[in-house]
Amino acid sequence: MNILSDILKSSIPNYEIELPSTGKKITFRPFLVKEEKVLLVAQQSNDYNEILRAMKNTIESCFDKIENAGELPLFDIEYMFLNLRAKSIGEIVNPIFICPHTNENIDLEIDLLDVKVEKQKDHTNKINIKDDITITMKYPSVNIVTKEDKDEKAKGSEYFYDLAAKCIETIETKDETIDVTMLPKKEVEEFIDNLTNDQFSMILNFFSTTPRLKMKVDYRTSDGVEREATFTTLTDFFG
């Protein structure tokens, strides 16, 4: 038993947020110095997969009842991490934004607790490719994306074909519901290859309308014009 560690545990606060994908309330604590060290090493590596893994491990350590964060949708992970970072280091960040109109650096101030996950009204994870065939999609997760990057096929336009194969969860016909996650990858790829362009476009629309972080920030450029910046990724907020 470490008496000093026990003393510190009793002083660590807890916070609560709603998981964007389900609306379920979950509690978390701020990350500790040992966890911040891991995040800093990952950030310094400039390796996207390494950063995602560090975020995943930190979330599993700090959030209650989250045992495999790698299976959560990426937008959940990003939202959880923003709130975790806000309560661990500070709610206010000051990213430097390069205005696309004047090409000047703009110092912004953002409250991370004001950042929300935007959900489009027409978005659905159930895709009716025919009257009697419905595909259920799962959202890209840390586990899927990190594997994706290692796959030599996941280059350029091939990326979305391979991502689609990994994100199809079930295929429902009038006679049965097929658990696609149990099928060989080659069989799923053949299914995708035999879709029409219109049918595959429905799958692409699922990815393009997937919930995501979104915040609009007003700023003024040196020419006196009021403009608006839209932030949608973690890199935006910490740039």
C-alpha atoms as a PDB file:
ATOM      1  CA  MET A   1       0.000   0.000   0.000  1.00  0.00           C
ATOM      2  CA  ASN A   2       1.314   3.446  -0.930  1.00  0.00           C
ATOM      3  CA  ILE A   3       0.028   5.941   1.651  1.00  0.00           C
ATOM      4  CA  LEU A   4       1.042   8.980  -0.422  1.00  0.00           C
ATOM      5  CA  SER A   5      -0.783   7.693  -3.524  1.00  0.00           C
ATOM      6  CA  ASP A   6      -3.916   7.008  -1.484  1.00  0.00           C
ATOM      7  CA  ILE A   7      -3.860  10.579  -0.166  1.00  0.00           C
ATOM      8  CA  LEU A   8      -3.691  11.962  -3.707  1.00  0.00           C
ATOM      9  CA  LYS A   9      -6.504   9.724  -5.021  1.00  0.00           C
ATOM     10  CA  SER A  10      -8.945  11.235  -2.552  1.00  0.00           C
ATOM     11  CA  SER A  11      -8.228  14.736  -3.893  1.00  0.00           C
ATOM     12  CA  ILE A  12      -8.831  14.001  -7.598  1.00  0.00           C
ATOM     13  CA  PRO A  13     -12.147  15.490  -8.845  1.00  0.00           C
ATOM     14  CA  ASN A  14     -14.648  13.727 -11.109  1.00  0.00           C
ATOM     15  CA  TYR A  15     -16.635  15.197 -13.995  1.00  0.00           C
ATOM     16  CA  GLU A  16     -19.509  14.034 -16.182  1.00  0.00           C
ATOM     17  CA  ILE A  17     -20.300  14.306 -19.895  1.00  0.00           C
ATOM     18  CA  GLU A  18     -22.691  12.650 -22.343  1.00  0.00           C
ATOM     19  CA  LEU A  19     -21.262  10.275 -24.923  1.00  0.00           C
ATOM     20  CA  PRO A  20     -22.275  11.790 -28.304  1.00  0.00           C
ATOM     21  CA  SER A  21     -23.020   8.441 -29.969  1.00  0.00           C
ATOM     22  CA  THR A  22     -25.438   7.191 -27.301  1.00  0.00           C
ATOM     23  CA  GLY A  23     -26.300  10.106 -25.001  1.00  0.00           C
ATOM     24  CA  LYS A  24     -25.161   7.962 -22.072  1.00  0.00           C
ATOM     25  CA  LYS A  25     -23.624   9.895 -19.170  1.00  0.00           C
ATOM     26  CA  ILE A  26     -20.078   8.899 -18.250  1.00  0.00           C
ATOM     27  CA  THR A  27     -17.730  10.160 -15.542  1.00  0.00           C
ATOM     28  CA  PHE A  28     -14.023  10.847 -15.757  1.00  0.00           C
ATOM     29  CA  ARG A  29     -11.087  12.263 -13.851  1.00  0.00           C
ATOM     30  CA  PRO A  30      -8.335  14.577 -15.133  1.00  0.00           C
ATOM     31  CA  PHE A  31      -5.281  12.844 -16.557  1.00  0.00           C
ATOM     32  CA  LEU A  32      -2.249  12.627 -14.296  1.00  0.00           C
ATOM     33  CA  VAL A  33       1.365  13.614 -14.878  1.00  0.00           C
ATOM     34  CA  LYS A  34       2.287  10.045 -15.870  1.00  0.00           C
ATOM     35  CA  GLU A  35      -0.454  10.045 -18.519  1.00  0.00           C
ATOM     36  CA  GLU A  36       0.430  13.515 -19.749  1.00  0.00           C
ATOM     37  CA  LYS A  37       3.993  12.295 -20.353  1.00  0.00           C
ATOM     38  CA  VAL A  38       2.695   9.561 -22.658  1.00  0.00           C
ATOM     39  CA  LEU A  39       0.574  12.066 -24.583  1.00  0.00           C
ATOM     40  CA  LEU A  40       3.520  14.443 -25.004  1.00  0.00           C
ATOM     41  CA  VAL A  41       5.801  11.683 -26.307  1.00  0.00           C
ATOM     42  CA  ALA A  42       3.115  10.653 -28.811  1.00  0.00           C
ATOM     43  CA  GLN A  43       2.601  14.266 -29.916  1.00  0.00           C
ATOM     44  CA  GLN A  44       6.332  14.772 -30.433  1.00  0.00           C
ATOM     45  CA  SER A  45       6.479  11.658 -32.612  1.00  0.00           C
ATOM     46  CA  ASN A  46       4.191  13.329 -35.199  1.00  0.00           C
ATOM     47  CA  ASP A  47       2.828   9.820 -35.830  1.00  0.00           C
ATOM     48  CA  TYR A  48      -0.972   9.965 -36.214  1.00  0.00           C
ATOM     49  CA  ASN A  49      -1.443   6.339 -35.176  1.00  0.00           C
ATOM     50  CA  GLU A  50       0.788   6.782 -32.127  1.00  0.00           C
ATOM     51  CA  ILE A  51      -1.225   9.838 -31.071  1.00  0.00           C
ATOM     52  CA  LEU A  52      -4.514   7.955 -31.467  1.00  0.00           C
ATOM     53  CA  ARG A  53      -3.211   5.041 -29.403  1.00  0.00           C
ATOM     54  CA  ALA A  54      -2.037   7.408 -26.649  1.00  0.00           C
ATOM     55  CA  MET A  55      -5.459   9.097 -26.601  1.00  0.00           C
ATOM     56  CA  LYS A  56      -7.183   5.710 -26.477  1.00  0.00           C
ATOM     57  CA  ASN A  57      -5.059   4.501 -23.550  1.00  0.00           C
ATOM     58  CA  THR A  58      -5.503   7.759 -21.645  1.00  0.00           C
ATOM     59  CA  ILE A  59      -9.278   7.674 -22.090  1.00  0.00           C
ATOM     60  CA  GLU A  60      -9.394   4.081 -20.841  1.00  0.00           C
ATOM     61  CA  SER A  61      -7.428   5.144 -17.746  1.00  0.00           C
ATOM     62  CA  CYS A  62      -9.454   8.279 -16.970  1.00  0.00           C
ATOM     63  CA  PHE A  63     -13.048   7.402 -17.910  1.00  0.00           C
ATOM     64  CA  ASP A  64     -15.144   5.049 -15.803  1.00  0.00           C
ATOM     65  CA  LYS A  65     -16.354   1.824 -17.419  1.00  0.00           C
ATOM     66  CA  ILE A  66     -14.520   2.446 -20.720  1.00  0.00           C
ATOM     67  CA  GLU A  67     -12.536  -0.746 -21.206  1.00  0.00           C
ATOM     68  CA  ASN A  68     -11.934  -0.644 -24.960  1.00  0.00           C
ATOM     69  CA  ALA A  69     -11.979   2.909 -26.251  1.00  0.00           C
ATOM     70  CA  GLY A  70     -10.539   1.632 -29.525  1.00  0.00           C
ATOM     71  CA  GLU A  71     -13.992   0.372 -30.495  1.00  0.00           C
ATOM     72  CA  LEU A  72     -15.736   3.715 -29.921  1.00  0.00           C
ATOM     73  CA  PRO A  73     -16.519   6.006 -32.872  1.00  0.00           C
ATOM     74  CA  LEU A  74     -13.732   8.488 -33.559  1.00  0.00           C
ATOM     75  CA  PHE A  75     -16.056  11.421 -32.887  1.00  0.00           C
ATOM     76  CA  ASP A  76     -16.681  10.029 -29.388  1.00  0.00           C
ATOM     77  CA  ILE A  77     -12.938   9.730 -28.784  1.00  0.00           C
ATOM     78  CA  GLU A  78     -12.272  13.287 -29.979  1.00  0.00           C
ATOM     79  CA  TYR A  79     -15.094  14.759 -27.895  1.00  0.00           C
ATOM     80  CA  MET A  80     -14.027  12.822 -24.801  1.00  0.00           C
ATOM     81  CA  PHE A  81     -10.426  13.911 -25.244  1.00  0.00           C
ATOM     82  CA  LEU A  82     -11.344  17.599 -25.653  1.00  0.00           C
ATOM     83  CA  ASN A  83     -13.273  17.490 -22.372  1.00  0.00           C
ATOM     84  CA  LEU A  84     -10.529  15.495 -20.697  1.00  0.00           C
ATOM     85  CA  ARG A  85      -7.902  17.982 -21.836  1.00  0.00           C
ATOM     86  CA  ALA A  86     -10.082  20.909 -20.704  1.00  0.00           C
ATOM     87  CA  LYS A  87     -10.428  19.556 -17.170  1.00  0.00           C
ATOM     88  CA  SER A  88      -6.791  18.416 -16.964  1.00  0.00           C
ATOM     89  CA  ILE A  89      -4.877  21.426 -18.322  1.00  0.00           C
ATOM     90  CA  GLY A  90      -7.337  24.231 -19.024  1.00  0.00           C
ATOM     91  CA  GLU A  91     -10.549  24.994 -20.843  1.00  0.00           C
ATOM     92  CA  ILE A  92      -9.158  27.825 -22.970  1.00  0.00           C
ATOM     93  CA  VAL A  93      -6.849  27.205 -25.955  1.00  0.00           C
ATOM     94  CA  ASN A  94      -5.317  29.772 -28.297  1.00  0.00           C
ATOM     95  CA  PRO A  95      -4.722  28.195 -31.710  1.00  0.00           C
ATOM     96  CA  ILE A  96      -3.084  30.215 -34.469  1.00  0.00           C
ATOM     97  CA  PHE A  97      -5.332  30.262 -37.526  1.00  0.00           C
ATOM     98  CA  ILE A  98      -4.088  31.217 -41.002  1.00  0.00           C
ATOM     99  CA  CYS A  99      -6.805  33.212 -42.733  1.00  0.00           C
ATOM    100  CA  PRO A 100      -7.388  31.769 -46.237  1.00  0.00           C
ATOM    101  CA  HIS A 101      -8.410  35.221 -47.515  1.00  0.00           C
ATOM    102  CA  THR A 102      -5.512  37.366 -46.283  1.00  0.00           C
ATOM    103  CA  ASN A 103      -2.938  34.658 -45.447  1.00  0.00           C
ATOM    104  CA  GLU A 104      -2.239  36.292 -42.079  1.00  0.00           C
ATOM    105  CA  ASN A 105      -1.886  34.552 -38.719  1.00  0.00           C
ATOM    106  CA  ILE A 106      -4.861  35.116 -36.439  1.00  0.00           C
ATOM    107  CA  ASP A 107      -4.661  34.473 -32.690  1.00  0.00           C
ATOM    108  CA  LEU A 108      -7.934  32.910 -31.560  1.00  0.00           C
ATOM    109  CA  GLU A 109      -9.375  32.011 -28.176  1.00  0.00           C
ATOM    110  CA  ILE A 110     -11.574  28.940 -27.840  1.00  0.00           C
ATOM    111  CA  ASP A 111     -13.311  27.428 -24.826  1.00  0.00           C
ATOM    112  CA  LEU A 112     -13.052  23.652 -25.336  1.00  0.00           C
ATOM    113  CA  LEU A 113     -16.216  23.097 -23.306  1.00  0.00           C
ATOM    114  CA  ASP A 114     -18.171  24.984 -25.982  1.00  0.00           C
ATOM    115  CA  VAL A 115     -17.183  22.494 -28.689  1.00  0.00           C
ATOM    116  CA  LYS A 116     -19.989  20.123 -29.673  1.00  0.00           C
ATOM    117  CA  VAL A 117     -20.451  17.147 -31.975  1.00  0.00           C
ATOM    118  CA  GLU A 118     -22.611  18.088 -34.951  1.00  0.00           C
ATOM    119  CA  LYS A 119     -25.149  15.509 -36.097  1.00  0.00           C
ATOM    120  CA  GLN A 120     -26.781  16.040 -39.481  1.00  0.00           C
ATOM    121  CA  LYS A 121     -30.524  15.421 -39.612  1.00  0.00           C
ATOM    122  CA  ASP A 122     -30.400  13.214 -42.702  1.00  0.00           C
ATOM    123  CA  HIS A 123     -27.580  11.037 -41.385  1.00  0.00           C
ATOM    124  CA  THR A 124     -28.229   7.346 -40.769  1.00  0.00           C
ATOM    125  CA  ASN A 125     -26.119   4.246 -40.361  1.00  0.00           C
ATOM    126  CA  LYS A 126     -28.755   2.124 -42.112  1.00  0.00           C
ATOM    127  CA  ILE A 127     -28.506   2.174 -45.906  1.00  0.00           C
ATOM    128  CA  ASN A 128     -31.242   0.719 -48.111  1.00  0.00           C
ATOM    129  CA  ILE A 129     -29.341  -0.198 -51.271  1.00  0.00           C
ATOM    130  CA  LYS A 130     -32.437  -2.047 -52.558  1.00  0.00           C
ATOM    131  CA  ASP A 131     -35.984  -2.473 -51.295  1.00  0.00           C
ATOM    132  CA  ASP A 132     -35.059  -5.816 -49.748  1.00  0.00           C
ATOM    133  CA  ILE A 133     -31.399  -5.191 -48.816  1.00  0.00           C
ATOM    134  CA  THR A 134     -30.328  -2.969 -45.909  1.00  0.00           C
ATOM    135  CA  ILE A 135     -26.735  -2.391 -44.827  1.00  0.00           C
ATOM    136  CA  THR A 136     -25.965  -1.367 -41.248  1.00  0.00           C
ATOM    137  CA  MET A 137     -22.708   0.553 -40.888  1.00  0.00           C
ATOM    138  CA  LYS A 138     -20.494   1.010 -37.848  1.00  0.00           C
ATOM    139  CA  TYR A 139     -18.537   4.209 -37.358  1.00  0.00           C
ATOM    140  CA  PRO A 140     -14.780   4.339 -37.982  1.00  0.00           C
ATOM    141  CA  SER A 141     -12.951   3.756 -34.711  1.00  0.00           C
ATOM    142  CA  VAL A 142      -9.364   4.028 -33.508  1.00  0.00           C
ATOM    143  CA  ASN A 143      -8.891   0.286 -34.054  1.00  0.00           C
ATOM    144  CA  ILE A 144     -10.194   0.492 -37.620  1.00  0.00           C
ATOM    145  CA  VAL A 145      -8.278   3.632 -38.595  1.00  0.00           C
ATOM    146  CA  THR A 146      -4.922   2.495 -37.199  1.00  0.00           C
ATOM    147  CA  LYS A 147      -5.221  -0.837 -39.011  1.00  0.00           C
ATOM    148  CA  GLU A 148      -6.283   1.032 -42.124  1.00  0.00           C
ATOM    149  CA  ASP A 149      -3.065   2.997 -42.233  1.00  0.00           C
ATOM    150  CA  LYS A 150      -0.970  -0.160 -42.143  1.00  0.00           C
ATOM    151  CA  ASP A 151      -2.806  -1.653 -45.102  1.00  0.00           C
ATOM    152  CA  GLU A 152      -0.894  -1.017 -48.320  1.00  0.00           C
ATOM    153  CA  LYS A 153      -4.181  -0.994 -50.217  1.00  0.00           C
ATOM    154  CA  ALA A 154      -5.427   1.997 -48.219  1.00  0.00           C
ATOM    155  CA  LYS A 155      -3.998   4.615 -50.557  1.00  0.00           C
ATOM    156  CA  GLY A 156      -5.906   7.366 -52.339  1.00  0.00           C
ATOM    157  CA  SER A 157      -9.312   6.334 -53.659  1.00  0.00           C
ATOM    158  CA  GLU A 158      -8.743   2.770 -52.411  1.00  0.00           C
ATOM    159  CA  TYR A 159      -8.941   4.089 -48.849  1.00  0.00           C
ATOM    160  CA  PHE A 160     -12.728   4.396 -48.854  1.00  0.00           C
ATOM    161  CA  TYR A 161     -13.237   1.009 -50.483  1.00  0.00           C
ATOM    162  CA  ASP A 162     -11.196  -0.652 -47.757  1.00  0.00           C
ATOM    163  CA  LEU A 163     -12.762   1.479 -45.026  1.00  0.00           C
ATOM    164  CA  ALA A 164     -16.232   0.533 -46.241  1.00  0.00           C
ATOM    165  CA  ALA A 165     -15.321  -3.153 -46.058  1.00  0.00           C
ATOM    166  CA  LYS A 166     -14.267  -2.722 -42.426  1.00  0.00           C
ATOM    167  CA  CYS A 167     -17.307  -0.651 -41.425  1.00  0.00           C
ATOM    168  CA  ILE A 168     -20.144  -2.790 -42.830  1.00  0.00           C
ATOM    169  CA  GLU A 169     -21.604  -4.481 -39.761  1.00  0.00           C
ATOM    170  CA  THR A 170     -24.640  -6.355 -41.046  1.00  0.00           C
ATOM    171  CA  ILE A 171     -26.482  -6.970 -44.315  1.00  0.00           C
ATOM    172  CA  GLU A 172     -30.185  -7.620 -43.939  1.00  0.00           C
ATOM    173  CA  THR A 173     -32.299  -9.279 -46.638  1.00  0.00           C
ATOM    174  CA  LYS A 174     -35.928 -10.360 -46.516  1.00  0.00           C
ATOM    175  CA  ASP A 175     -34.748 -13.831 -45.467  1.00  0.00           C
ATOM    176  CA  GLU A 176     -31.841 -13.257 -43.091  1.00  0.00           C
ATOM    177  CA  THR A 177     -29.480 -10.890 -41.309  1.00  0.00           C
ATOM    178  CA  ILE A 178     -25.831 -11.561 -42.025  1.00  0.00           C
ATOM    179  CA  ASP A 179     -23.139 -10.641 -39.505  1.00  0.00           C
ATOM    180  CA  VAL A 180     -20.522  -9.281 -41.895  1.00  0.00           C
ATOM    181  CA  THR A 181     -17.878  -8.986 -39.168  1.00  0.00           C
ATOM    182  CA  MET A 182     -17.660 -12.802 -39.172  1.00  0.00           C
ATOM    183  CA  LEU A 183     -17.065 -13.086 -42.921  1.00  0.00           C
ATOM    184  CA  PRO A 184     -13.678 -13.272 -44.696  1.00  0.00           C
ATOM    185  CA  LYS A 185     -12.427  -9.883 -45.856  1.00  0.00           C
ATOM    186  CA  LYS A 186     -12.260 -11.072 -49.456  1.00  0.00           C
ATOM    187  CA  GLU A 187     -15.970 -11.943 -49.450  1.00  0.00           C
ATOM    188  CA  VAL A 188     -16.910  -8.488 -48.157  1.00  0.00           C
ATOM    189  CA  GLU A 189     -14.681  -6.819 -50.767  1.00  0.00           C
ATOM    190  CA  GLU A 190     -16.374  -8.814 -53.538  1.00  0.00           C
ATOM    191  CA  PHE A 191     -19.746  -7.618 -52.250  1.00  0.00           C
ATOM    192  CA  ILE A 192     -18.575  -4.003 -52.461  1.00  0.00           C
ATOM    193  CA  ASP A 193     -17.069  -4.537 -55.923  1.00  0.00           C
ATOM    194  CA  ASN A 194     -20.487  -5.623 -57.173  1.00  0.00           C
ATOM    195  CA  LEU A 195     -22.333  -2.540 -55.941  1.00  0.00           C
ATOM    196  CA  THR A 196     -23.481   0.022 -58.484  1.00  0.00           C
ATOM    197  CA  ASN A 197     -22.011   3.530 -58.363  1.00  0.00           C
ATOM    198  CA  ASP A 198     -25.256   4.831 -56.871  1.00  0.00           C
ATOM    199  CA  GLN A 199     -25.234   2.172 -54.165  1.00  0.00           C
ATOM    200  CA  PHE A 200     -21.609   2.832 -53.245  1.00  0.00           C
ATOM    201  CA  SER A 201     -22.344   6.563 -53.174  1.00  0.00           C
ATOM    202  CA  MET A 202     -24.843   5.844 -50.396  1.00  0.00           C
ATOM    203  CA  ILE A 203     -22.009   4.329 -48.356  1.00  0.00           C
ATOM    204  CA  LEU A 204     -19.748   7.300 -49.095  1.00  0.00           C
ATOM    205  CA  ASN A 205     -22.564   9.586 -47.929  1.00  0.00           C
ATOM    206  CA  PHE A 206     -22.559   7.737 -44.605  1.00  0.00           C
ATOM    207  CA  PHE A 207     -18.901   8.688 -44.121  1.00  0.00           C
ATOM    208  CA  SER A 208     -19.295  12.271 -45.332  1.00  0.00           C
ATOM    209  CA  THR A 209     -22.248  12.936 -42.997  1.00  0.00           C
ATOM    210  CA  THR A 210     -20.850  11.103 -39.970  1.00  0.00           C
ATOM    211  CA  PRO A 211     -21.104  13.183 -36.763  1.00  0.00           C
ATOM    212  CA  ARG A 212     -18.008  15.286 -36.118  1.00  0.00           C
ATOM    213  CA  LEU A 213     -16.620  17.995 -33.908  1.00  0.00           C
ATOM    214  CA  LYS A 214     -17.664  21.410 -35.128  1.00  0.00           C
ATOM    215  CA  MET A 215     -17.237  24.952 -33.875  1.00  0.00           C
ATOM    216  CA  LYS A 216     -17.472  28.267 -35.691  1.00  0.00           C
ATOM    217  CA  VAL A 217     -15.251  31.114 -34.518  1.00  0.00           C
ATOM    218  CA  ASP A 218     -15.597  34.762 -35.556  1.00  0.00           C
ATOM    219  CA  TYR A 219     -12.477  36.828 -36.158  1.00  0.00           C
ATOM    220  CA  ARG A 220     -11.420  40.113 -37.752  1.00  0.00           C
ATOM    221  CA  THR A 221      -8.579  40.467 -40.274  1.00  0.00           C
ATOM    222  CA  SER A 222      -6.246  43.453 -40.641  1.00  0.00           C
ATOM    223  CA  ASP A 223      -8.434  44.850 -43.448  1.00  0.00           C
ATOM    224  CA  GLY A 224     -11.244  45.288 -40.928  1.00  0.00           C
ATOM    225  CA  VAL A 225     -13.442  42.501 -42.331  1.00  0.00           C
ATOM    226  CA  GLU A 226     -15.366  40.202 -39.965  1.00  0.00           C
ATOM    227  CA  ARG A 227     -14.852  36.579 -40.982  1.00  0.00           C
ATOM    228  CA  GLU A 228     -15.647  33.099 -39.703  1.00  0.00           C
ATOM    229  CA  ALA A 229     -13.472  30.014 -39.225  1.00  0.00           C
ATOM    230  CA  THR A 230     -14.863  26.486 -38.847  1.00  0.00           C
ATOM    231  CA  PHE A 231     -12.956  23.972 -36.726  1.00  0.00           C
ATOM    232  CA  THR A 232     -13.698  20.257 -37.148  1.00  0.00           C
ATOM    233  CA  THR A 233     -10.619  18.274 -36.043  1.00  0.00           C
ATOM    234  CA  LEU A 234      -8.442  18.012 -32.949  1.00  0.00           C
ATOM    235  CA  THR A 235      -5.565  19.465 -34.950  1.00  0.00           C
ATOM    236  CA  ASP A 236      -7.635  22.598 -35.584  1.00  0.00           C
ATOM    237  CA  PHE A 237      -8.075  23.251 -31.879  1.00  0.00           C
ATOM    238  CA  PHE A 238      -4.468  22.677 -30.924  1.00  0.00           C
ATOM    239  CA  GLY A 239      -2.786  24.123 -34.034  1.00  0.00           C
END
